[in-house]
Amino acid sequence: MTTKRKIGVEEIEAQAALELPARELMVTVAIFDLANGNSTTIAVPTLSQAFLITSAVTQLNTITSVDVFATSVF
């Protein structure tokens, strides 16, 4: 049976590591008006903002007679 040797603090600090740059996530929300055939897209920086916009469009569709819907694209 082979035993693993313990790595010392000096060995860990001597190892090189690459630091990755901050990743920007842009989410595109597409909003469609089925009655008029219009559409628009909005780029937002976070998924939670895309969710809020999609939810607001869904609520507008529910409480009014406007036939619109939204979808998020990554």
N, C-alpha and C. Protein backbone atom coordinates (compact mmCIF):
# COMPACT_ATOMS: atom_id res chain seq x y z
N MET A 1 0.84 -1.17 0.00
CA MET A 1 0.00 0.00 0.00
C MET A 1 0.89 1.24 0.00
N THR A 2 0.56 2.17 -0.86
CA THR A 2 1.35 3.39 -0.99
C THR A 2 0.77 4.48 -0.09
N THR A 3 1.65 5.16 0.59
CA THR A 3 1.19 6.26 1.44
C THR A 3 1.50 7.59 0.76
N LYS A 4 0.66 8.53 0.96
CA LYS A 4 0.86 9.86 0.38
C LYS A 4 1.68 10.69 1.35
N ARG A 5 2.60 11.46 0.81
CA ARG A 5 3.41 12.32 1.67
C ARG A 5 2.68 13.64 1.88
N LYS A 6 2.92 14.25 3.00
CA LYS A 6 2.30 15.53 3.31
C LYS A 6 3.08 16.65 2.63
N ILE A 7 2.37 17.62 2.14
CA ILE A 7 2.98 18.78 1.49
C ILE A 7 3.12 19.88 2.53
N GLY A 8 4.28 20.47 2.57
CA GLY A 8 4.54 21.54 3.52
C GLY A 8 4.07 22.89 3.00
N VAL A 9 4.00 23.85 3.88
CA VAL A 9 3.56 25.19 3.54
C VAL A 9 4.47 25.80 2.48
N GLU A 10 5.77 25.55 2.56
CA GLU A 10 6.72 26.11 1.60
C GLU A 10 6.44 25.59 0.18
N GLU A 11 6.12 24.30 0.08
CA GLU A 11 5.82 23.73 -1.23
C GLU A 11 4.55 24.33 -1.82
N ILE A 12 3.54 24.53 -0.98
CA ILE A 12 2.28 25.11 -1.46
C ILE A 12 2.51 26.54 -1.93
N GLU A 13 3.25 27.33 -1.18
CA GLU A 13 3.50 28.72 -1.55
C GLU A 13 4.38 28.83 -2.78
N ALA A 14 5.21 27.83 -3.05
CA ALA A 14 6.10 27.85 -4.20
C ALA A 14 5.37 27.53 -5.50
N GLN A 15 4.19 26.95 -5.41
CA GLN A 15 3.45 26.60 -6.61
C GLN A 15 2.84 27.85 -7.24
N ALA A 16 2.81 27.87 -8.56
CA ALA A 16 2.25 29.01 -9.29
C ALA A 16 0.76 28.78 -9.52
N ALA A 17 0.01 29.85 -9.45
CA ALA A 17 -1.43 29.78 -9.71
C ALA A 17 -1.81 30.93 -10.64
N LEU A 18 -2.71 30.67 -11.53
CA LEU A 18 -3.20 31.70 -12.44
C LEU A 18 -4.44 32.35 -11.85
N GLU A 19 -4.46 33.66 -11.89
CA GLU A 19 -5.63 34.37 -11.40
C GLU A 19 -6.50 34.72 -12.60
N LEU A 20 -7.73 34.27 -12.57
CA LEU A 20 -8.64 34.52 -13.68
C LEU A 20 -9.27 35.90 -13.55
N PRO A 21 -9.47 36.57 -14.66
CA PRO A 21 -10.11 37.88 -14.59
C PRO A 21 -11.59 37.74 -14.21
N ALA A 22 -12.15 38.81 -13.68
CA ALA A 22 -13.57 38.80 -13.33
C ALA A 22 -14.39 38.59 -14.59
N ARG A 23 -15.34 37.70 -14.50
CA ARG A 23 -16.17 37.38 -15.66
C ARG A 23 -17.43 38.20 -15.63
N GLU A 24 -17.73 38.84 -16.73
CA GLU A 24 -18.94 39.63 -16.82
C GLU A 24 -20.02 38.80 -17.49
N LEU A 25 -21.13 38.72 -16.84
CA LEU A 25 -22.26 37.98 -17.39
C LEU A 25 -23.30 38.99 -17.83
N MET A 26 -23.64 38.97 -19.08
CA MET A 26 -24.71 39.82 -19.57
C MET A 26 -25.85 38.91 -20.01
N VAL A 27 -27.02 39.20 -19.49
CA VAL A 27 -28.20 38.42 -19.84
C VAL A 27 -29.07 39.31 -20.72
N THR A 28 -29.52 38.77 -21.82
CA THR A 28 -30.39 39.50 -22.72
C THR A 28 -31.83 39.07 -22.49
N VAL A 29 -32.70 40.05 -22.25
CA VAL A 29 -34.12 39.79 -22.09
C VAL A 29 -34.82 40.25 -23.36
N ALA A 30 -35.54 39.37 -24.00
CA ALA A 30 -36.28 39.70 -25.21
C ALA A 30 -37.76 39.82 -24.84
N ILE A 31 -38.37 40.93 -25.24
CA ILE A 31 -39.79 41.18 -24.96
C ILE A 31 -40.51 41.26 -26.30
N PHE A 32 -41.58 40.49 -26.40
CA PHE A 32 -42.34 40.41 -27.64
C PHE A 32 -43.78 40.87 -27.43
N ASP A 33 -44.27 41.70 -28.34
CA ASP A 33 -45.67 42.12 -28.36
C ASP A 33 -46.34 41.38 -29.51
N LEU A 34 -47.12 40.38 -29.18
CA LEU A 34 -47.71 39.52 -30.22
C LEU A 34 -48.78 40.24 -31.03
N ALA A 35 -49.49 41.18 -30.42
CA ALA A 35 -50.57 41.87 -31.12
C ALA A 35 -50.04 42.76 -32.23
N ASN A 36 -48.95 43.47 -31.97
CA ASN A 36 -48.41 44.41 -32.95
C ASN A 36 -47.19 43.89 -33.70
N GLY A 37 -46.65 42.78 -33.28
CA GLY A 37 -45.47 42.23 -33.92
C GLY A 37 -44.19 42.96 -33.56
N ASN A 38 -44.21 43.76 -32.51
CA ASN A 38 -43.02 44.49 -32.07
C ASN A 38 -42.22 43.64 -31.09
N SER A 39 -40.91 43.91 -31.06
CA SER A 39 -40.07 43.24 -30.07
C SER A 39 -38.91 44.17 -29.71
N THR A 40 -38.35 43.95 -28.55
CA THR A 40 -37.18 44.70 -28.11
C THR A 40 -36.32 43.80 -27.24
N THR A 41 -35.06 44.11 -27.15
CA THR A 41 -34.16 43.35 -26.29
C THR A 41 -33.48 44.31 -25.32
N ILE A 42 -33.23 43.82 -24.12
CA ILE A 42 -32.59 44.59 -23.06
C ILE A 42 -31.46 43.73 -22.50
N ALA A 43 -30.26 44.30 -22.41
CA ALA A 43 -29.12 43.60 -21.81
C ALA A 43 -28.99 44.06 -20.36
N VAL A 44 -29.00 43.10 -19.44
CA VAL A 44 -28.85 43.40 -18.01
C VAL A 44 -27.67 42.60 -17.47
N PRO A 45 -27.01 43.13 -16.42
CA PRO A 45 -25.79 42.48 -15.94
C PRO A 45 -26.00 41.25 -15.06
N THR A 46 -27.18 41.06 -14.50
CA THR A 46 -27.36 39.91 -13.60
C THR A 46 -28.61 39.12 -13.96
N LEU A 47 -28.58 37.87 -13.59
CA LEU A 47 -29.72 37.00 -13.82
C LEU A 47 -30.93 37.42 -13.00
N SER A 48 -30.69 37.95 -11.80
CA SER A 48 -31.82 38.37 -10.97
C SER A 48 -32.55 39.55 -11.59
N GLN A 49 -31.83 40.46 -12.24
CA GLN A 49 -32.48 41.58 -12.93
C GLN A 49 -33.29 41.07 -14.12
N ALA A 50 -32.75 40.10 -14.84
CA ALA A 50 -33.49 39.51 -15.96
C ALA A 50 -34.77 38.85 -15.46
N PHE A 51 -34.68 38.19 -14.33
CA PHE A 51 -35.86 37.55 -13.74
C PHE A 51 -36.92 38.59 -13.37
N LEU A 52 -36.48 39.72 -12.78
CA LEU A 52 -37.43 40.77 -12.39
C LEU A 52 -38.13 41.37 -13.61
N ILE A 53 -37.40 41.60 -14.69
CA ILE A 53 -38.01 42.15 -15.90
C ILE A 53 -38.99 41.16 -16.50
N THR A 54 -38.59 39.89 -16.57
CA THR A 54 -39.48 38.86 -17.10
C THR A 54 -40.74 38.73 -16.25
N SER A 55 -40.59 38.81 -14.94
CA SER A 55 -41.75 38.73 -14.04
C SER A 55 -42.68 39.92 -14.23
N ALA A 56 -42.11 41.12 -14.41
CA ALA A 56 -42.93 42.31 -14.61
C ALA A 56 -43.73 42.22 -15.90
N VAL A 57 -43.11 41.73 -16.95
CA VAL A 57 -43.81 41.56 -18.23
C VAL A 57 -44.92 40.52 -18.08
N THR A 58 -44.65 39.46 -17.37
CA THR A 58 -45.66 38.42 -17.14
C THR A 58 -46.84 38.99 -16.35
N GLN A 59 -46.56 39.83 -15.35
CA GLN A 59 -47.64 40.45 -14.57
C GLN A 59 -48.47 41.40 -15.44
N LEU A 60 -47.81 42.17 -16.30
CA LEU A 60 -48.54 43.05 -17.22
C LEU A 60 -49.47 42.24 -18.12
N ASN A 61 -48.99 41.12 -18.57
CA ASN A 61 -49.80 40.25 -19.42
C ASN A 61 -50.99 39.68 -18.65
N THR A 62 -50.81 39.44 -17.36
CA THR A 62 -51.86 38.86 -16.54
C THR A 62 -52.95 39.87 -16.19
N ILE A 63 -52.55 41.10 -15.84
CA ILE A 63 -53.54 42.07 -15.34
C ILE A 63 -54.12 42.97 -16.43
N THR A 64 -53.57 42.93 -17.64
CA THR A 64 -54.09 43.75 -18.73
C THR A 64 -54.44 42.85 -19.91
N SER A 65 -55.00 43.46 -20.92
CA SER A 65 -55.32 42.70 -22.13
C SER A 65 -54.17 42.73 -23.13
N VAL A 66 -53.03 43.26 -22.73
CA VAL A 66 -51.85 43.33 -23.60
C VAL A 66 -51.27 41.92 -23.73
N ASP A 67 -51.01 41.51 -24.95
CA ASP A 67 -50.50 40.16 -25.20
C ASP A 67 -49.00 40.22 -25.44
N VAL A 68 -48.21 40.31 -24.36
CA VAL A 68 -46.76 40.36 -24.45
C VAL A 68 -46.15 39.24 -23.64
N PHE A 69 -44.95 38.85 -24.00
CA PHE A 69 -44.22 37.89 -23.18
C PHE A 69 -42.74 38.19 -23.27
N ALA A 70 -41.98 37.69 -22.31
CA ALA A 70 -40.54 37.93 -22.26
C ALA A 70 -39.81 36.63 -22.02
N THR A 71 -38.58 36.58 -22.50
CA THR A 71 -37.73 35.42 -22.28
C THR A 71 -36.29 35.89 -22.07
N SER A 72 -35.53 35.15 -21.31
CA SER A 72 -34.12 35.49 -21.05
C SER A 72 -33.22 34.61 -21.89
N VAL A 73 -32.19 35.23 -22.45
CA VAL A 73 -31.21 34.52 -23.27
C VAL A 73 -29.84 34.78 -22.69
N PHE A 74 -29.04 33.74 -22.51
CA PHE A 74 -27.70 33.91 -21.95
C PHE A 74 -26.68 34.08 -23.03
